[in-house]
Amino acid sequence: MDDIPSLSNRSVGSRFITSDEVESARARRDEQWKAAYARLGQEPPPPQQEDSYDGRSLAEKLAANKVPASLTFI
């Protein structure tokens, strides 16, 4: 429980974390999962691929999907 930071004694700005902290937390979590699967004697599932960033708005994505969908009904 020492790994969980307390929000009550920190300033608002210190609640934000850096990308390095995110990466180290992800690596630590992956190691914990691998250790858990090793205890069970199983092979861990392959890692999921992260979605690539798409900077378009939802309206732009829906409009792009609407054109091919409308052509299939013709």
Protein backbone atom coordinates (compact mmCIF):
# COMPACT_ATOMS: atom_id res chain seq x y z
CA MET A 1 0.00 0.00 0.00
CA ASP A 2 3.05 2.29 0.17
CA ASP A 3 3.05 2.60 -3.63
CA ILE A 4 -0.27 4.48 -3.62
CA PRO A 5 0.32 8.20 -3.14
CA SER A 6 -1.86 10.07 -0.71
CA LEU A 7 -3.75 12.94 -2.27
CA SER A 8 -4.54 14.61 1.02
CA ASN A 9 -1.01 15.80 1.81
CA ARG A 10 0.11 16.80 -1.70
CA SER A 11 -0.53 19.86 -3.80
CA VAL A 12 -2.71 19.71 -6.89
CA GLY A 13 0.23 20.00 -9.27
CA SER A 14 1.95 17.00 -7.79
CA ARG A 15 -1.00 14.75 -8.64
CA PHE A 16 0.05 14.76 -12.28
CA ILE A 17 2.50 12.09 -13.32
CA THR A 18 5.11 12.02 -16.04
CA SER A 19 5.24 9.63 -18.96
CA ASP A 20 8.27 7.98 -17.33
CA GLU A 21 6.16 7.16 -14.30
CA VAL A 22 3.45 5.74 -16.55
CA GLU A 23 5.98 3.57 -18.37
CA SER A 24 7.54 2.31 -15.14
CA ALA A 25 4.09 1.49 -13.74
CA ARG A 26 3.21 -0.36 -16.96
CA ALA A 27 6.46 -2.33 -16.82
CA ARG A 28 5.90 -3.17 -13.14
CA ARG A 29 2.34 -4.32 -13.90
CA ASP A 30 3.56 -6.49 -16.80
CA GLU A 31 6.15 -8.13 -14.56
CA GLN A 32 3.48 -8.84 -11.94
CA TRP A 33 1.24 -10.45 -14.55
CA LYS A 34 4.12 -12.57 -15.89
CA ALA A 35 4.96 -13.69 -12.35
CA ALA A 36 1.31 -14.59 -11.71
CA TYR A 37 1.12 -16.67 -14.90
CA ALA A 38 4.43 -18.33 -13.99
CA ARG A 39 2.99 -19.35 -10.60
CA LEU A 40 0.05 -20.91 -12.43
CA GLY A 41 2.35 -22.64 -14.91
CA GLN A 42 0.73 -20.95 -17.88
CA GLU A 43 2.03 -18.87 -20.72
CA PRO A 44 0.83 -15.24 -20.54
CA PRO A 45 -1.34 -14.07 -23.44
CA PRO A 46 0.33 -11.94 -26.11
CA PRO A 47 0.35 -8.23 -25.29
CA GLN A 48 -2.40 -6.14 -26.82
CA GLN A 49 -1.43 -3.55 -29.38
CA GLU A 50 -2.22 0.00 -28.37
CA ASP A 51 -4.51 1.92 -30.67
CA SER A 52 -2.76 4.49 -32.77
CA TYR A 53 -3.72 8.07 -32.08
CA ASP A 54 -6.31 9.51 -34.45
CA GLY A 55 -6.58 13.27 -34.04
CA ARG A 56 -9.85 13.57 -35.92
CA SER A 57 -13.00 14.58 -34.08
CA LEU A 58 -15.83 12.12 -33.61
CA ALA A 59 -17.90 13.95 -36.24
CA GLU A 60 -15.07 13.57 -38.79
CA LYS A 61 -14.72 9.85 -38.03
CA LEU A 62 -18.46 9.28 -38.36
CA ALA A 63 -18.61 11.22 -41.62
CA ALA A 64 -15.74 9.17 -43.03
CA ASN A 65 -17.52 5.93 -42.06
CA LYS A 66 -20.86 7.12 -43.43
CA VAL A 67 -19.71 7.43 -47.06
CA PRO A 68 -18.55 3.78 -47.48
CA ALA A 69 -21.57 2.50 -45.55
CA SER A 70 -23.99 4.38 -47.81
CA LEU A 71 -22.28 2.98 -50.91
CA THR A 72 -22.86 -0.59 -49.79
CA PHE A 73 -26.63 -0.14 -49.94
CA ILE A 74 -26.65 1.06 -53.54
